[in-house]
Structures are given as C-alpha cells and as structure tokens.
Amino acid sequence: MLTLDKLLIEQGDFRLEADFTIPAGARVALIGPSGAGKSTLLSVLAGFLGPTQGRVLWCGEDITEAPPGERPLSILFQDQNLFPHLRLETNLALGLNPKGKIDATDRARIETALARVSLEGMEKRKPGALSGGQQSRAGLARTLLRGRPILLLDEPFAALGPALKSEMLALVAEIAREQGTTVLMVSHDPEDARALCPQTVLVAEGRAHAPQATGPLLDDPPPVLRDYLGE
C-alpha cells in the first residue's frame, strides 16, 4: 500500500497536507481546483520535490528520500516523456536501461510492449511521425516495460479527443488490472475520474483528503468542488 504519513508540502505561500493510505492495486483520481496542488503532490510522490515534513511509504518501506529513479513508480505526463530525436525503440529502451543499451531479449520485450498498445512495427519511427494518440500509446508502452507497481498520470491524455481519450483510459484500466498496478491520476475532467478511478482524492483548501468513492463524491460534491465543477 502507498502511505502518505502526515505529509506537509510548503512552497512560499503554498501549503498542502496529506495523511492517508491507498491500497495496492487501487485506481485513484486527484481532482480539485487549479493550483490546489494535485501535480505538486505527484511530484513529491515521484521524488522531484521533497516534503517539508512527513513520509512517503510503499508497503511499509520509507521512500521519502529515495531518488526518483529508485522509486517503485513510473510517471506519465501530457508530453508523454518521449525524446523527439530518438526512435521509439530507443525511447522505450531508456525505460529498461538509462543508457538505452538493449540486447535481443530487451528488443523482443519492446516489440511485445508496442504490440500490446497497438503500435506493432513502429519501433523505428520517431515521435514526430506519430499522431497524438500514438504518442500516448508509446508513453504507456514505456511504463509497461518498466513494470513498476505504481503509475502516476499527470493528465497525459488531456489533449486527445473524447473517443481516443476514452480508449486510452480503458487501456490503462485493463493493464492496471492485469499487473495489479496502483494508479494515481490527476484530472480536471470528472468523467475521466468516473471512467478510470473507483476512488477520488479531493485536493482543495490546503489538504489532499482521504480517498472517497468517486460516484458519490461527484454526484453530491462539497461546495469547493461544486464551485470548481461549475454546478
């Protein structure tokens, strides 16, 4: 399980508290007003930012001070983390080896991952030769190869059209179920939260609240969330 133990994040006038646990294999949305701290919280979990106080634990192990590359997680941003000058094969190889060196076994794994996201035969292409949806699939394929137990999603599909976004969310759900992955997804779209995440963390007014059932929370939101959603 992922535990945020009396976590406090401070940056200038910004302050965010979090103190809750997420079971392994759960899919949880983070939703709330812009600037409330959703992406900041993911950055602390990923190790890009350090908390002012408190701890981050995974299965009882304190990972608060662990470097990003040594944490049991992958993170997918809206730009898909792809290097535009490298072929897909090399982009995905970096998920297996920071130096990008791969052997025949690794190459076979990359081909399998690309096939899993319907990009078979595209390993020689560069990101610029792919559509937005294909780039999203390539970013997801790299997280598949890393095989980390936690997946952080910072609105990676926000620029996609409704049908393609729905398809990508369904693919994430399918892969997460297969691998038992714990998913935390930042979203500004409540329908994305409904589609992927049975639970939702409301981030508002200086606190990331404990996970709640997504449907009831969005059906009868508290005033701060109702104002944000425009209801």
Protein backbone atom coordinates (compact mmCIF):
# COMPACT_ATOMS: atom_id res chain seq x y z
CA MET A 1 0.00 0.00 0.00
CA LEU A 2 1.00 3.62 -0.53
CA THR A 3 1.03 5.69 2.64
CA LEU A 4 1.25 9.46 2.89
CA ASP A 5 2.18 9.83 6.54
CA LYS A 6 1.48 13.29 7.95
CA LEU A 7 2.83 14.82 4.76
CA LEU A 8 3.30 18.59 4.57
CA ILE A 9 4.38 20.39 1.41
CA GLU A 10 5.28 24.07 1.56
CA GLN A 11 6.48 26.33 -1.25
CA GLY A 12 6.33 30.04 -0.45
CA ASP A 13 2.69 30.79 0.35
CA PHE A 14 1.60 27.35 -0.88
CA ARG A 15 0.78 24.70 1.72
CA LEU A 16 -0.66 21.21 1.27
CA GLU A 17 -1.26 18.49 3.85
CA ALA A 18 -1.97 14.80 3.20
CA ASP A 19 -2.37 11.92 5.64
CA PHE A 20 -3.94 8.77 4.20
CA THR A 21 -3.27 5.33 2.73
CA ILE A 22 -4.08 3.94 -0.72
CA PRO A 23 -4.36 0.14 -1.03
CA ALA A 24 -2.14 -1.64 -3.54
CA GLY A 25 -3.90 -2.04 -6.88
CA ALA A 26 -6.32 0.85 -6.30
CA ARG A 27 -7.06 3.37 -9.05
CA VAL A 28 -7.46 6.84 -7.57
CA ALA A 29 -8.17 10.22 -9.21
CA LEU A 30 -6.88 13.52 -7.83
CA ILE A 31 -9.36 16.28 -8.56
CA GLY A 32 -9.79 19.83 -7.34
CA PRO A 33 -9.37 23.50 -8.26
CA SER A 34 -6.45 24.64 -10.40
CA GLY A 35 -3.45 25.47 -8.24
CA ALA A 36 -4.67 23.36 -5.33
CA GLY A 37 -1.61 21.10 -5.51
CA LYS A 38 -2.56 17.99 -7.47
CA SER A 39 0.52 17.93 -9.70
CA THR A 40 2.69 19.10 -6.81
CA LEU A 41 1.59 16.10 -4.79
CA LEU A 42 2.53 13.77 -7.67
CA SER A 43 5.92 15.47 -7.88
CA VAL A 44 6.55 14.71 -4.21
CA LEU A 45 5.50 11.10 -4.66
CA ALA A 46 7.81 10.83 -7.67
CA GLY A 47 10.73 12.37 -5.78
CA PHE A 48 11.06 15.53 -7.87
CA LEU A 49 10.16 17.64 -4.83
CA GLY A 50 10.80 16.99 -1.16
CA PRO A 51 8.14 17.42 1.53
CA THR A 52 8.61 19.89 4.37
CA GLN A 53 7.77 17.11 6.78
CA GLY A 54 6.17 13.67 6.86
CA ARG A 55 6.92 10.49 4.97
CA VAL A 56 6.00 8.58 1.83
CA LEU A 57 5.93 4.81 2.29
CA TRP A 58 5.36 1.94 -0.10
CA CYS A 59 4.46 -1.39 1.53
CA GLY A 60 5.92 -0.11 4.78
CA GLU A 61 9.25 1.00 3.26
CA ASP A 62 10.12 4.67 3.67
CA ILE A 63 10.90 6.07 0.20
CA THR A 64 10.76 9.76 1.18
CA GLU A 65 14.45 10.33 0.46
CA ALA A 66 14.81 7.84 -2.41
CA PRO A 67 15.96 9.30 -5.77
CA PRO A 68 13.26 9.36 -8.46
CA GLY A 69 14.84 6.56 -10.47
CA GLU A 70 14.89 4.24 -7.48
CA ARG A 71 11.24 4.65 -6.54
CA PRO A 72 8.74 1.89 -7.33
CA LEU A 73 6.82 4.02 -9.82
CA SER A 74 6.52 5.41 -13.30
CA ILE A 75 5.04 8.78 -14.18
CA LEU A 76 3.39 9.80 -17.43
CA PHE A 77 2.98 13.49 -18.31
CA GLN A 78 0.97 15.14 -21.08
CA ASP A 79 4.08 15.31 -23.31
CA GLN A 80 4.49 11.53 -22.88
CA ASN A 81 8.17 11.89 -21.82
CA LEU A 82 9.35 10.98 -25.33
CA PHE A 83 12.61 12.31 -26.77
CA PRO A 84 11.75 13.69 -30.24
CA HIS A 85 15.17 12.93 -31.78
CA LEU A 86 15.10 9.23 -30.82
CA ARG A 87 13.27 6.36 -32.44
CA LEU A 88 10.52 4.64 -30.47
CA GLU A 89 12.72 1.63 -29.88
CA THR A 90 15.36 3.81 -28.22
CA ASN A 91 12.76 5.81 -26.26
CA LEU A 92 11.39 2.59 -24.85
CA ALA A 93 14.86 1.15 -24.28
CA LEU A 94 15.51 4.01 -21.86
CA GLY A 95 12.76 2.53 -19.70
CA LEU A 96 14.84 -0.63 -19.39
CA ASN A 97 18.33 0.86 -19.27
CA PRO A 98 19.17 4.55 -18.60
CA LYS A 99 21.90 4.28 -21.25
CA GLY A 100 19.49 2.86 -23.82
CA LYS A 101 21.59 -0.27 -24.44
CA ILE A 102 19.49 -3.34 -25.15
CA ASP A 103 20.04 -6.94 -26.15
CA ALA A 104 17.89 -9.32 -28.19
CA THR A 105 15.73 -10.15 -25.16
CA ASP A 106 15.09 -6.46 -24.46
CA ARG A 107 14.27 -5.86 -28.12
CA ALA A 108 11.70 -8.64 -28.01
CA ARG A 109 10.17 -7.12 -24.88
CA ILE A 110 9.92 -3.75 -26.62
CA GLU A 111 8.20 -5.30 -29.62
CA THR A 112 5.75 -7.05 -27.29
CA ALA A 113 5.01 -3.82 -25.40
CA LEU A 114 4.39 -1.93 -28.65
CA ALA A 115 2.09 -4.68 -29.86
CA ARG A 116 0.21 -4.52 -26.55
CA VAL A 117 -0.68 -0.87 -27.26
CA SER A 118 -1.34 -1.44 -30.99
CA LEU A 119 1.93 0.08 -32.24
CA GLU A 120 3.48 -3.06 -33.69
CA GLY A 121 6.03 -2.42 -36.42
CA MET A 122 6.54 1.23 -35.43
CA GLU A 123 9.73 0.84 -33.38
CA LYS A 124 11.85 2.64 -36.00
CA ARG A 125 9.65 5.74 -36.10
CA LYS A 126 10.39 8.96 -34.23
CA PRO A 127 7.69 10.62 -32.09
CA GLY A 128 7.15 13.37 -34.67
CA ALA A 129 5.94 10.77 -37.16
CA LEU A 130 3.20 9.63 -34.78
CA SER A 131 -0.23 11.04 -34.08
CA GLY A 132 -1.08 12.35 -30.62
CA GLY A 133 -2.87 9.15 -29.79
CA GLN A 134 0.06 7.03 -30.95
CA GLN A 135 2.44 9.10 -28.82
CA SER A 136 0.17 8.46 -25.83
CA ARG A 137 0.31 4.75 -26.55
CA ALA A 138 4.10 4.86 -26.83
CA GLY A 139 4.40 6.59 -23.46
CA LEU A 140 2.16 3.94 -21.94
CA ALA A 141 4.23 1.18 -23.56
CA ARG A 142 7.33 2.50 -21.80
CA THR A 143 5.58 2.33 -18.42
CA LEU A 144 4.63 -1.27 -19.29
CA LEU A 145 8.28 -2.11 -19.82
CA ARG A 146 9.32 -0.53 -16.53
CA GLY A 147 6.82 -2.72 -14.73
CA ARG A 148 6.71 -0.55 -11.60
CA PRO A 149 3.87 -1.19 -9.12
CA ILE A 150 2.75 2.48 -9.05
CA LEU A 151 1.72 4.55 -12.07
CA LEU A 152 1.29 8.31 -11.74
CA LEU A 153 -0.67 10.03 -14.51
CA ASP A 154 -0.48 13.81 -14.77
CA GLU A 155 -3.19 14.46 -17.38
CA PRO A 156 -1.34 12.53 -20.11
CA PHE A 157 -4.43 12.25 -22.32
CA ALA A 158 -5.83 15.76 -21.85
CA ALA A 159 -5.04 16.84 -25.41
CA LEU A 160 -6.78 13.87 -27.01
CA GLY A 161 -10.29 13.91 -28.43
CA PRO A 162 -13.09 12.35 -26.36
CA ALA A 163 -13.20 8.99 -28.18
CA LEU A 164 -9.44 8.47 -28.16
CA LYS A 165 -9.14 9.61 -24.54
CA SER A 166 -11.82 7.13 -23.54
CA GLU A 167 -9.93 4.40 -25.38
CA MET A 168 -6.68 5.26 -23.58
CA LEU A 169 -8.35 5.29 -20.16
CA ALA A 170 -9.85 1.88 -20.87
CA LEU A 171 -6.41 0.58 -21.88
CA VAL A 172 -4.84 1.91 -18.67
CA ALA A 173 -7.57 0.24 -16.63
CA GLU A 174 -7.06 -3.05 -18.44
CA ILE A 175 -3.29 -3.01 -17.97
CA ALA A 176 -3.59 -1.94 -14.33
CA ARG A 177 -5.92 -4.85 -13.61
CA GLU A 178 -3.57 -7.29 -15.33
CA GLN A 179 -0.49 -6.10 -13.45
CA GLY A 180 -2.08 -5.10 -10.14
CA THR A 181 -0.80 -1.55 -10.63
CA THR A 182 -1.68 1.23 -8.20
CA VAL A 183 -2.77 4.22 -10.30
CA LEU A 184 -3.00 7.87 -9.24
CA MET A 185 -4.35 10.18 -11.93
CA VAL A 186 -4.54 13.97 -11.88
CA SER A 187 -7.55 15.10 -13.89
CA HIS A 188 -9.65 18.21 -14.44
CA ASP A 189 -12.40 16.17 -16.08
CA PRO A 190 -14.76 14.41 -13.64
CA GLU A 191 -15.82 12.00 -16.39
CA ASP A 192 -12.22 10.76 -16.64
CA ALA A 193 -12.29 10.07 -12.91
CA ARG A 194 -15.55 8.15 -13.26
CA ALA A 195 -14.17 6.14 -16.19
CA LEU A 196 -10.90 5.01 -14.63
CA CYS A 197 -10.92 5.50 -10.88
CA PRO A 198 -13.35 3.98 -8.37
CA GLN A 199 -11.90 6.33 -5.74
CA THR A 200 -11.05 10.02 -5.77
CA VAL A 201 -8.88 12.28 -3.61
CA LEU A 202 -10.24 15.81 -3.34
CA VAL A 203 -7.37 18.31 -3.30
CA ALA A 204 -8.63 21.68 -2.08
CA GLU A 205 -8.09 24.38 0.52
CA GLY A 206 -4.65 23.17 1.57
CA ARG A 207 -5.47 19.49 2.01
CA ALA A 208 -5.48 16.32 -0.02
CA HIS A 209 -8.38 14.48 1.58
CA ALA A 210 -8.54 10.73 2.08
CA PRO A 211 -9.89 8.77 -0.91
CA GLN A 212 -13.66 8.63 -1.30
CA ALA A 213 -15.90 6.68 -3.66
CA THR A 214 -15.83 8.59 -6.94
CA GLY A 215 -19.51 8.35 -7.86
CA PRO A 216 -21.00 9.67 -4.61
CA LEU A 217 -18.35 12.42 -4.36
CA LEU A 218 -19.08 13.74 -7.85
CA ASP A 219 -22.83 13.23 -7.59
CA ASP A 220 -23.02 15.29 -4.40
CA PRO A 221 -19.84 17.37 -4.28
CA PRO A 222 -18.89 19.60 -1.35
CA PRO A 223 -19.16 23.35 -2.03
CA VAL A 224 -15.49 23.84 -3.02
CA LEU A 225 -15.72 21.07 -5.61
CA ARG A 226 -19.16 22.18 -6.78
CA ASP A 227 -17.82 25.67 -7.43
CA TYR A 228 -14.87 24.24 -9.36
CA LEU A 229 -17.09 22.00 -11.47
CA GLY A 230 -19.48 24.87 -12.12
CA GLU A 231 -22.52 23.12 -10.72
